[in-house]
Each structure stands twice: as structure tokens, then as C-alpha cells.
């Protein structure tokens, strides 16, 4: 049982990959689960790179750069906000 931390650190992944089971079916199950996770993280990485490229292109770049000056806002969040708001000029003022 993993007892070091609650987070899935590299040490945790190494521990997961080091697990060996007595029965072939159990080992194959773990190996398949790990392969699915690897593929999902690889896909997520590719999609994040694509978002970074889109965020750096016109017409998005200036607006993304401004939004990313806010703490906690990264390109994906900025593009999401821009997709939802669409046109900030449609608001008369920031006041309610």
C-alpha cells in the first residue's frame, strides 16, 4: 500500500509500475490500466500544447496575454473565458 503522500508524484508512479502480482490476469489488468493512463496523459499533453499554440496566435494572443496577468489564469482558462464572454465591449462597465 502506498503511504508516502496523498499526491500522485513521480515516486508514486514508479511504485505503481514496480508492483508485481502472482497471477498473470492481475498483472495484465494493472498493466492495461497503466497503459490507459499513459495514453490519456499523453493526449492531454498534446491538447495542452495545441491550446498554447492557439493562444499565441491572432486574434487571441493580445486578449490571452492580458487575462494571463491575473493570478491563476493560464492560456486554457483565458481561452475559455474569451469563448464564453466573446466580446467584452458588450458590457457597459465592470460595475453591476
PDB file of N, CA and C in Angstrom:
ATOM      1  N   UNK A   1       0.844  -1.179   0.000  1.00  0.00           N
ATOM      2  CA  UNK A   1       0.000   0.000   0.000  1.00  0.00           C
ATOM      3  C   UNK A   1       0.892   1.245   0.000  1.00  0.00           C
ATOM      4  N   UNK A   2       0.519   2.232  -0.804  1.00  0.00           N
ATOM      5  CA  UNK A   2       1.269   3.490  -0.898  1.00  0.00           C
ATOM      6  C   UNK A   2       0.925   4.360   0.290  1.00  0.00           C
ATOM      7  N   UNK A   3       1.929   4.719   1.086  1.00  0.00           N
ATOM      8  CA  UNK A   3       1.685   5.502   2.299  1.00  0.00           C
ATOM      9  C   UNK A   3       2.474   6.806   2.348  1.00  0.00           C
ATOM     10  N   UNK A   4       3.268   7.096   1.320  1.00  0.00           N
ATOM     11  CA  UNK A   4       4.173   8.246   1.367  1.00  0.00           C
ATOM     12  C   UNK A   4       3.438   9.585   1.353  1.00  0.00           C
ATOM     13  N   UNK A   5       2.605   9.807   0.354  1.00  0.00           N
ATOM     14  CA  UNK A   5       1.874  11.072   0.235  1.00  0.00           C
ATOM     15  C   UNK A   5       0.493  10.790  -0.324  1.00  0.00           C
ATOM     16  N   UNK A   6      -0.330  11.829  -0.349  1.00  0.00           N
ATOM     17  CA  UNK A   6      -1.651  11.704  -0.945  1.00  0.00           C
ATOM     18  C   UNK A   6      -1.627  12.020  -2.437  1.00  0.00           C
ATOM     19  N   UNK A   7      -0.539  12.662  -2.909  1.00  0.00           N
ATOM     20  CA  UNK A   7      -0.439  13.070  -4.296  1.00  0.00           C
ATOM     21  C   UNK A   7       0.223  12.000  -5.151  1.00  0.00           C
ATOM     22  N   UNK A   8      -0.128  11.998  -6.424  1.00  0.00           N
ATOM     23  CA  UNK A   8       0.470  11.064  -7.369  1.00  0.00           C
ATOM     24  C   UNK A   8       1.736  11.686  -7.932  1.00  0.00           C
ATOM     25  N   UNK A   9       2.814  11.581  -7.191  1.00  0.00           N
ATOM     26  CA  UNK A   9       4.109  12.110  -7.600  1.00  0.00           C
ATOM     27  C   UNK A   9       4.795  11.098  -8.518  1.00  0.00           C
ATOM     28  N   UNK A  10       5.967  11.472  -9.025  1.00  0.00           N
ATOM     29  CA  UNK A  10       6.747  10.531  -9.833  1.00  0.00           C
ATOM     30  C   UNK A  10       7.103   9.299  -9.007  1.00  0.00           C
ATOM     31  N   UNK A  11       7.381   9.504  -7.719  1.00  0.00           N
ATOM     32  CA  UNK A  11       7.690   8.362  -6.848  1.00  0.00           C
ATOM     33  C   UNK A  11       6.502   7.413  -6.767  1.00  0.00           C
ATOM     34  N   UNK A  12       5.294   7.949  -6.748  1.00  0.00           N
ATOM     35  CA  UNK A  12       4.102   7.099  -6.699  1.00  0.00           C
ATOM     36  C   UNK A  12       3.945   6.323  -8.003  1.00  0.00           C
ATOM     37  N   UNK A  13       4.164   7.005  -9.140  1.00  0.00           N
ATOM     38  CA  UNK A  13       4.084   6.306 -10.426  1.00  0.00           C
ATOM     39  C   UNK A  13       5.130   5.190 -10.497  1.00  0.00           C
ATOM     40  N   UNK A  14       6.330   5.469 -10.028  1.00  0.00           N
ATOM     41  CA  UNK A  14       7.376   4.445 -10.020  1.00  0.00           C
ATOM     42  C   UNK A  14       6.958   3.265  -9.159  1.00  0.00           C
ATOM     43  N   UNK A  15       6.355   3.546  -8.026  1.00  0.00           N
ATOM     44  CA  UNK A  15       5.874   2.484  -7.135  1.00  0.00           C
ATOM     45  C   UNK A  15       4.790   1.666  -7.822  1.00  0.00           C
ATOM     46  N   UNK A  16       3.843   2.370  -8.499  1.00  0.00           N
ATOM     47  CA  UNK A  16       2.761   1.661  -9.206  1.00  0.00           C
ATOM     48  C   UNK A  16       3.339   0.719 -10.260  1.00  0.00           C
ATOM     49  N   UNK A  17       4.318   1.216 -11.006  1.00  0.00           N
ATOM     50  CA  UNK A  17       4.908   0.411 -12.074  1.00  0.00           C
ATOM     51  C   UNK A  17       5.756  -0.748 -11.519  1.00  0.00           C
ATOM     52  N   UNK A  18       6.197  -0.653 -10.300  1.00  0.00           N
ATOM     53  CA  UNK A  18       7.020  -1.717  -9.707  1.00  0.00           C
ATOM     54  C   UNK A  18       6.181  -2.846  -9.108  1.00  0.00           C
ATOM     55  N   UNK A  19       4.871  -2.668  -9.041  1.00  0.00           N
ATOM     56  CA  UNK A  19       4.017  -3.693  -8.444  1.00  0.00           C
ATOM     57  C   UNK A  19       3.989  -4.946  -9.316  1.00  0.00           C
ATOM     58  N   UNK A  20       4.146  -6.081  -8.688  1.00  0.00           N
ATOM     59  CA  UNK A  20       4.109  -7.368  -9.386  1.00  0.00           C
ATOM     60  C   UNK A  20       3.081  -8.257  -8.705  1.00  0.00           C
ATOM     61  N   UNK A  21       2.264  -8.905  -9.520  1.00  0.00           N
ATOM     62  CA  UNK A  21       1.213  -9.775  -8.997  1.00  0.00           C
ATOM     63  C   UNK A  21       1.516 -11.238  -9.304  1.00  0.00           C
ATOM     64  N   UNK A  22       1.015 -12.073  -8.462  1.00  0.00           N
ATOM     65  CA  UNK A  22       1.239 -13.512  -8.592  1.00  0.00           C
ATOM     66  C   UNK A  22       0.529 -14.069  -9.832  1.00  0.00           C
ATOM     67  N   UNK A  23      -0.679 -13.612 -10.070  1.00  0.00           N
ATOM     68  CA  UNK A  23      -1.478 -14.129 -11.192  1.00  0.00           C
ATOM     69  C   UNK A  23      -1.296 -13.247 -12.427  1.00  0.00           C
ATOM     70  N   UNK A  24      -1.153 -13.912 -13.569  1.00  0.00           N
ATOM     71  CA  UNK A  24      -0.978 -13.187 -14.828  1.00  0.00           C
ATOM     72  C   UNK A  24      -2.125 -12.222 -15.103  1.00  0.00           C
ATOM     73  N   UNK A  25      -3.346 -12.674 -14.845  1.00  0.00           N
ATOM     74  CA  UNK A  25      -4.503 -11.829 -15.141  1.00  0.00           C
ATOM     75  C   UNK A  25      -4.469 -10.547 -14.318  1.00  0.00           C
ATOM     76  N   UNK A  26      -4.012 -10.601 -13.103  1.00  0.00           N
ATOM     77  CA  UNK A  26      -3.926  -9.407 -12.253  1.00  0.00           C
ATOM     78  C   UNK A  26      -2.840  -8.470 -12.772  1.00  0.00           C
ATOM     79  N   UNK A  27      -1.707  -9.024 -13.175  1.00  0.00           N
ATOM     80  CA  UNK A  27      -0.625  -8.200 -13.713  1.00  0.00           C
ATOM     81  C   UNK A  27      -1.047  -7.546 -15.018  1.00  0.00           C
ATOM     82  N   UNK A  28      -1.724  -8.309 -15.890  1.00  0.00           N
ATOM     83  CA  UNK A  28      -2.194  -7.743 -17.156  1.00  0.00           C
ATOM     84  C   UNK A  28      -3.194  -6.630 -16.912  1.00  0.00           C
ATOM     85  N   UNK A  29      -4.044  -6.796 -15.914  1.00  0.00           N
ATOM     86  CA  UNK A  29      -5.030  -5.756 -15.591  1.00  0.00           C
ATOM     87  C   UNK A  29      -4.327  -4.467 -15.177  1.00  0.00           C
ATOM     88  N   UNK A  30      -3.368  -4.572 -14.266  1.00  0.00           N
ATOM     89  CA  UNK A  30      -2.612  -3.385 -13.852  1.00  0.00           C
ATOM     90  C   UNK A  30      -1.888  -2.761 -15.040  1.00  0.00           C
ATOM     91  N   UNK A  31      -1.242  -3.576 -15.843  1.00  0.00           N
ATOM     92  CA  UNK A  31      -0.506  -3.065 -17.000  1.00  0.00           C
ATOM     93  C   UNK A  31      -1.446  -2.334 -17.970  1.00  0.00           C
ATOM     94  N   UNK A  32      -2.629  -2.882 -18.182  1.00  0.00           N
ATOM     95  CA  UNK A  32      -3.603  -2.235 -19.070  1.00  0.00           C
ATOM     96  C   UNK A  32      -4.087  -0.908 -18.488  1.00  0.00           C
ATOM     97  N   UNK A  33      -4.366  -0.886 -17.205  1.00  0.00           N
ATOM     98  CA  UNK A  33      -4.784   0.374 -16.565  1.00  0.00           C
ATOM     99  C   UNK A  33      -3.699   1.438 -16.689  1.00  0.00           C
ATOM    100  N   UNK A  34      -2.460   1.039 -16.458  1.00  0.00           N
ATOM    101  CA  UNK A  34      -1.356   1.989 -16.567  1.00  0.00           C
ATOM    102  C   UNK A  34      -1.187   2.466 -18.010  1.00  0.00           C
ATOM    103  N   UNK A  35      -1.386   1.584 -18.980  1.00  0.00           N
ATOM    104  CA  UNK A  35      -1.287   1.968 -20.390  1.00  0.00           C
ATOM    105  C   UNK A  35      -2.388   2.960 -20.753  1.00  0.00           C
ATOM    106  N   UNK A  36      -3.594   2.753 -20.232  1.00  0.00           N
ATOM    107  CA  UNK A  36      -4.697   3.678 -20.488  1.00  0.00           C
ATOM    108  C   UNK A  36      -4.377   5.048 -19.887  1.00  0.00           C
ATOM    109  N   UNK A  37      -3.852   5.067 -18.671  1.00  0.00           N
ATOM    110  CA  UNK A  37      -3.471   6.334 -18.043  1.00  0.00           C
ATOM    111  C   UNK A  37      -2.352   7.028 -18.812  1.00  0.00           C
ATOM    112  N   UNK A  38      -1.364   6.265 -19.250  1.00  0.00           N
ATOM    113  CA  UNK A  38      -0.269   6.844 -20.041  1.00  0.00           C
ATOM    114  C   UNK A  38      -0.816   7.488 -21.310  1.00  0.00           C
ATOM    115  N   UNK A  39      -1.711   6.787 -22.003  1.00  0.00           N
ATOM    116  CA  UNK A  39      -2.285   7.322 -23.244  1.00  0.00           C
ATOM    117  C   UNK A  39      -3.108   8.583 -22.964  1.00  0.00           C
ATOM    118  N   UNK A  40      -3.857   8.589 -21.870  1.00  0.00           N
ATOM    119  CA  UNK A  40      -4.667   9.759 -21.532  1.00  0.00           C
ATOM    120  C   UNK A  40      -3.787  10.961 -21.201  1.00  0.00           C
ATOM    121  N   UNK A  41      -2.719  10.739 -20.452  1.00  0.00           N
ATOM    122  CA  UNK A  41      -1.823  11.851 -20.117  1.00  0.00           C
ATOM    123  C   UNK A  41      -1.072  12.349 -21.349  1.00  0.00           C
ATOM    124  N   UNK A  42      -0.723  11.441 -22.252  1.00  0.00           N
ATOM    125  CA  UNK A  42      -0.065  11.853 -23.497  1.00  0.00           C
ATOM    126  C   UNK A  42      -1.015  12.707 -24.338  1.00  0.00           C
ATOM    127  N   UNK A  43      -2.265  12.272 -24.432  1.00  0.00           N
ATOM    128  CA  UNK A  43      -3.276  13.035 -25.185  1.00  0.00           C
ATOM    129  C   UNK A  43      -3.489  14.404 -24.547  1.00  0.00           C
ATOM    130  N   UNK A  44      -3.590  14.442 -23.243  1.00  0.00           N
ATOM    131  CA  UNK A  44      -3.763  15.700 -22.533  1.00  0.00           C
ATOM    132  C   UNK A  44      -2.600  16.647 -22.799  1.00  0.00           C
ATOM    133  N   UNK A  45      -1.391  16.112 -22.813  1.00  0.00           N
ATOM    134  CA  UNK A  45      -0.217  16.927 -23.111  1.00  0.00           C
ATOM    135  C   UNK A  45      -0.277  17.505 -24.515  1.00  0.00           C
ATOM    136  N   UNK A  46      -0.682  16.676 -25.504  1.00  0.00           N
ATOM    137  CA  UNK A  46      -0.806  17.164 -26.884  1.00  0.00           C
ATOM    138  C   UNK A  46      -1.866  18.254 -26.980  1.00  0.00           C
ATOM    139  N   UNK A  47      -2.997  18.053 -26.325  1.00  0.00           N
ATOM    140  CA  UNK A  47      -4.060  19.052 -26.369  1.00  0.00           C
ATOM    141  C   UNK A  47      -3.633  20.354 -25.695  1.00  0.00           C
ATOM    142  N   UNK A  48      -2.911  20.247 -24.589  1.00  0.00           N
ATOM    143  CA  UNK A  48      -2.410  21.452 -23.920  1.00  0.00           C
ATOM    144  C   UNK A  48      -1.433  22.214 -24.810  1.00  0.00           C
ATOM    145  N   UNK A  49      -0.588  21.491 -25.536  1.00  0.00           N
ATOM    146  CA  UNK A  49       0.329  22.147 -26.470  1.00  0.00           C
ATOM    147  C   UNK A  49      -0.443  22.853 -27.580  1.00  0.00           C
ATOM    148  N   UNK A  50      -1.496  22.220 -28.060  1.00  0.00           N
ATOM    149  CA  UNK A  50      -2.315  22.832 -29.108  1.00  0.00           C
ATOM    150  C   UNK A  50      -2.991  24.097 -28.602  1.00  0.00           C
ATOM    151  N   UNK A  51      -3.479  24.058 -27.375  1.00  0.00           N
ATOM    152  CA  UNK A  51      -4.087  25.245 -26.773  1.00  0.00           C
ATOM    153  C   UNK A  51      -3.060  26.370 -26.673  1.00  0.00           C
ATOM    154  N   UNK A  52      -1.839  26.038 -26.258  1.00  0.00           N
ATOM    155  CA  UNK A  52      -0.776  27.043 -26.157  1.00  0.00           C
ATOM    156  C   UNK A  52      -0.508  27.690 -27.520  1.00  0.00           C
ATOM    157  N   UNK A  53      -0.494  26.882 -28.577  1.00  0.00           N
ATOM    158  CA  UNK A  53      -0.267  27.415 -29.927  1.00  0.00           C
ATOM    159  C   UNK A  53      -1.409  28.340 -30.325  1.00  0.00           C
ATOM    160  N   UNK A  54      -2.636  27.908 -30.127  1.00  0.00           N
ATOM    161  CA  UNK A  54      -3.800  28.726 -30.487  1.00  0.00           C
ATOM    162  C   UNK A  54      -3.799  30.026 -29.692  1.00  0.00           C
ATOM    163  N   UNK A  55      -3.485  29.940 -28.413  1.00  0.00           N
ATOM    164  CA  UNK A  55      -3.487  31.132 -27.551  1.00  0.00           C
ATOM    165  C   UNK A  55      -2.437  32.141 -27.990  1.00  0.00           C
ATOM    166  N   UNK A  56      -1.408  31.688 -28.666  1.00  0.00           N
ATOM    167  CA  UNK A  56      -0.350  32.588 -29.112  1.00  0.00           C
ATOM    168  C   UNK A  56      -0.579  33.169 -30.495  1.00  0.00           C
ATOM    169  N   UNK A  57      -1.696  32.818 -31.109  1.00  0.00           N
ATOM    170  CA  UNK A  57      -1.993  33.303 -32.453  1.00  0.00           C
ATOM    171  C   UNK A  57      -3.046  34.410 -32.416  1.00  0.00           C
ATOM    172  N   UNK A  58      -3.059  35.185 -33.493  1.00  0.00           N
ATOM    173  CA  UNK A  58      -4.110  36.197 -33.652  1.00  0.00           C
ATOM    174  C   UNK A  58      -5.416  35.488 -33.943  1.00  0.00           C
ATOM    175  N   UNK A  59      -6.525  35.976 -33.506  1.00  0.00           N
ATOM    176  CA  UNK A  59      -6.740  37.209 -32.762  1.00  0.00           C
ATOM    177  C   UNK A  59      -6.657  37.040 -31.252  1.00  0.00           C
ATOM    178  N   UNK A  60      -6.314  35.846 -30.790  1.00  0.00           N
ATOM    179  CA  UNK A  60      -6.384  35.520 -29.363  1.00  0.00           C
ATOM    180  C   UNK A  60      -5.241  36.075 -28.531  1.00  0.00           C
ATOM    181  N   UNK A  61      -4.039  36.166 -29.110  1.00  0.00           N
ATOM    182  CA  UNK A  61      -2.834  36.466 -28.337  1.00  0.00           C
ATOM    183  C   UNK A  61      -2.950  37.682 -27.421  1.00  0.00           C
ATOM    184  N   UNK A  62      -3.365  38.867 -27.911  1.00  0.00           N
ATOM    185  CA  UNK A  62      -3.389  40.031 -27.005  1.00  0.00           C
ATOM    186  C   UNK A  62      -4.350  39.849 -25.824  1.00  0.00           C
ATOM    187  N   UNK A  63      -5.513  39.268 -26.103  1.00  0.00           N
ATOM    188  CA  UNK A  63      -6.501  39.091 -25.030  1.00  0.00           C
ATOM    189  C   UNK A  63      -6.052  38.021 -24.038  1.00  0.00           C
ATOM    190  N   UNK A  64      -5.450  36.958 -24.551  1.00  0.00           N
ATOM    191  CA  UNK A  64      -4.944  35.893 -23.672  1.00  0.00           C
ATOM    192  C   UNK A  64      -3.829  36.436 -22.789  1.00  0.00           C
ATOM    193  N   UNK A  65      -2.939  37.224 -23.371  1.00  0.00           N
ATOM    194  CA  UNK A  65      -1.846  37.801 -22.577  1.00  0.00           C
ATOM    195  C   UNK A  65      -2.386  38.672 -21.453  1.00  0.00           C
ATOM    196  N   UNK A  66      -3.406  39.474 -21.746  1.00  0.00           N
ATOM    197  CA  UNK A  66      -3.987  40.331 -20.693  1.00  0.00           C
ATOM    198  C   UNK A  66      -4.631  39.492 -19.594  1.00  0.00           C
ATOM    199  N   UNK A  67      -5.403  38.507 -19.988  1.00  0.00           N
ATOM    200  CA  UNK A  67      -6.071  37.674 -18.976  1.00  0.00           C
ATOM    201  C   UNK A  67      -5.067  36.875 -18.150  1.00  0.00           C
ATOM    202  N   UNK A  68      -3.972  36.464 -18.769  1.00  0.00           N
ATOM    203  CA  UNK A  68      -2.964  35.668 -18.054  1.00  0.00           C
ATOM    204  C   UNK A  68      -2.182  36.496 -17.037  1.00  0.00           C
ATOM    205  N   UNK A  69      -2.370  37.804 -17.028  1.00  0.00           N
ATOM    206  CA  UNK A  69      -1.738  38.607 -15.977  1.00  0.00           C
ATOM    207  C   UNK A  69      -2.468  38.422 -14.647  1.00  0.00           C
ATOM    208  N   UNK A  70      -3.679  37.889 -14.693  1.00  0.00           N
ATOM    209  CA  UNK A  70      -4.434  37.610 -13.470  1.00  0.00           C
ATOM    210  C   UNK A  70      -3.932  36.302 -12.856  1.00  0.00           C
ATOM    211  N   UNK A  71      -3.787  36.290 -11.553  1.00  0.00           N
ATOM    212  CA  UNK A  71      -3.302  35.103 -10.860  1.00  0.00           C
ATOM    213  C   UNK A  71      -4.241  33.918 -11.111  1.00  0.00           C
ATOM    214  N   UNK A  72      -3.667  32.803 -11.465  1.00  0.00           N
ATOM    215  CA  UNK A  72      -4.434  31.580 -11.665  1.00  0.00           C
ATOM    216  C   UNK A  72      -4.979  31.401 -13.070  1.00  0.00           C
ATOM    217  N   UNK A  73      -4.810  32.390 -13.928  1.00  0.00           N
ATOM    218  CA  UNK A  73      -5.313  32.282 -15.293  1.00  0.00           C
ATOM    219  C   UNK A  73      -4.155  31.892 -16.199  1.00  0.00           C
ATOM    220  N   UNK A  74      -4.339  30.787 -16.874  1.00  0.00           N
ATOM    221  CA  UNK A  74      -3.366  30.305 -17.858  1.00  0.00           C
ATOM    222  C   UNK A  74      -4.064  30.295 -19.210  1.00  0.00           C
ATOM    223  N   UNK A  75      -3.366  29.970 -20.280  1.00  0.00           N
ATOM    224  CA  UNK A  75      -3.985  30.059 -21.603  1.00  0.00           C
ATOM    225  C   UNK A  75      -5.309  29.306 -21.764  1.00  0.00           C
ATOM    226  N   UNK A  76      -5.430  28.112 -21.217  1.00  0.00           N
ATOM    227  CA  UNK A  76      -6.687  27.375 -21.358  1.00  0.00           C
ATOM    228  C   UNK A  76      -7.836  28.125 -20.689  1.00  0.00           C
ATOM    229  N   UNK A  77      -7.603  28.609 -19.469  1.00  0.00           N
ATOM    230  CA  UNK A  77      -8.637  29.379 -18.770  1.00  0.00           C
ATOM    231  C   UNK A  77      -8.968  30.651 -19.535  1.00  0.00           C
ATOM    232  N   UNK A  78      -7.931  31.319 -20.044  1.00  0.00           N
ATOM    233  CA  UNK A  78      -8.143  32.564 -20.788  1.00  0.00           C
ATOM    234  C   UNK A  78      -8.991  32.310 -22.031  1.00  0.00           C
ATOM    235  N   UNK A  79      -8.665  31.271 -22.780  1.00  0.00           N
ATOM    236  CA  UNK A  79      -9.453  30.965 -23.981  1.00  0.00           C
ATOM    237  C   UNK A  79     -10.879  30.577 -23.631  1.00  0.00           C
ATOM    238  N   UNK A  80     -11.065  29.889 -22.518  1.00  0.00           N
ATOM    239  CA  UNK A  80     -12.413  29.526 -22.077  1.00  0.00           C
ATOM    240  C   UNK A  80     -13.216  30.776 -21.754  1.00  0.00           C
ATOM    241  N   UNK A  81     -12.608  31.705 -21.031  1.00  0.00           N
ATOM    242  CA  UNK A  81     -13.278  32.961 -20.701  1.00  0.00           C
ATOM    243  C   UNK A  81     -13.627  33.718 -21.979  1.00  0.00           C
ATOM    244  N   UNK A  82     -12.689  33.795 -22.904  1.00  0.00           N
ATOM    245  CA  UNK A  82     -12.929  34.511 -24.160  1.00  0.00           C
ATOM    246  C   UNK A  82     -14.041  33.861 -24.976  1.00  0.00           C
ATOM    247  N   UNK A  83     -14.105  32.546 -24.972  1.00  0.00           N
ATOM    248  CA  UNK A  83     -15.173  31.852 -25.698  1.00  0.00           C
ATOM    249  C   UNK A  83     -16.534  32.121 -25.076  1.00  0.00           C
ATOM    250  N   UNK A  84     -16.574  32.214 -23.751  1.00  0.00           N
ATOM    251  CA  UNK A  84     -17.840  32.459 -23.061  1.00  0.00           C
ATOM    252  C   UNK A  84     -18.280  33.917 -23.176  1.00  0.00           C
ATOM    253  N   UNK A  85     -17.369  34.853 -22.963  1.00  0.00           N
ATOM    254  CA  UNK A  85     -17.701  36.282 -22.987  1.00  0.00           C
ATOM    255  C   UNK A  85     -17.864  36.767 -24.420  1.00  0.00           C
ATOM    256  N   UNK A  86     -17.018  36.306 -25.294  1.00  0.00           N
ATOM    257  CA  UNK A  86     -16.964  36.648 -26.707  1.00  0.00           C
ATOM    258  C   UNK A  86     -16.557  38.098 -26.957  1.00  0.00           C
ATOM    259  N   UNK A  87     -17.297  39.052 -26.437  1.00  0.00           N
ATOM    260  CA  UNK A  87     -16.993  40.465 -26.691  1.00  0.00           C
ATOM    261  C   UNK A  87     -17.150  41.245 -25.389  1.00  0.00           C
ATOM    262  N   UNK A  88     -16.028  41.656 -24.817  1.00  0.00           N
ATOM    263  CA  UNK A  88     -16.075  42.397 -23.553  1.00  0.00           C
ATOM    264  C   UNK A  88     -16.739  43.759 -23.719  1.00  0.00           C
ATOM    265  N   UNK A  89     -16.719  44.294 -24.921  1.00  0.00           N
ATOM    266  CA  UNK A  89     -17.319  45.607 -25.163  1.00  0.00           C
ATOM    267  C   UNK A  89     -18.837  45.597 -25.036  1.00  0.00           C
ATOM    268  N   UNK A  90     -19.445  44.446 -24.981  1.00  0.00           N
ATOM    269  CA  UNK A  90     -20.905  44.397 -24.829  1.00  0.00           C
ATOM    270  C   UNK A  90     -21.352  44.779 -23.420  1.00  0.00           C
ATOM    271  N   UNK A  91     -20.384  44.853 -22.490  1.00  0.00           N
ATOM    272  CA  UNK A  91     -20.687  45.280 -21.132  1.00  0.00           C
ATOM    273  C   UNK A  91     -20.409  46.767 -21.007  1.00  0.00           C
ATOM    274  N   UNK A  92     -21.369  47.507 -20.476  1.00  0.00           N
ATOM    275  CA  UNK A  92     -21.220  48.952 -20.345  1.00  0.00           C
ATOM    276  C   UNK A  92     -20.101  49.319 -19.386  1.00  0.00           C
ATOM    277  N   UNK A  93     -20.008  48.610 -18.269  1.00  0.00           N
ATOM    278  CA  UNK A  93     -18.977  48.892 -17.281  1.00  0.00           C
ATOM    279  C   UNK A  93     -18.765  47.647 -16.425  1.00  0.00           C
ATOM    280  N   UNK A  94     -17.682  47.623 -15.664  1.00  0.00           N
ATOM    281  CA  UNK A  94     -17.461  46.476 -14.787  1.00  0.00           C
ATOM    282  C   UNK A  94     -18.359  46.500 -13.548  1.00  0.00           C
ATOM    283  N   UNK A  95     -19.013  47.636 -13.329  1.00  0.00           N
ATOM    284  CA  UNK A  95     -19.904  47.747 -12.169  1.00  0.00           C
ATOM    285  C   UNK A  95     -21.222  47.067 -12.443  1.00  0.00           C
ATOM    286  N   UNK A  96     -21.851  46.608 -11.375  1.00  0.00           N
ATOM    287  CA  UNK A  96     -23.173  45.987 -11.503  1.00  0.00           C
ATOM    288  C   UNK A  96     -24.250  47.037 -11.304  1.00  0.00           C
TER     289      UNK A  96
END
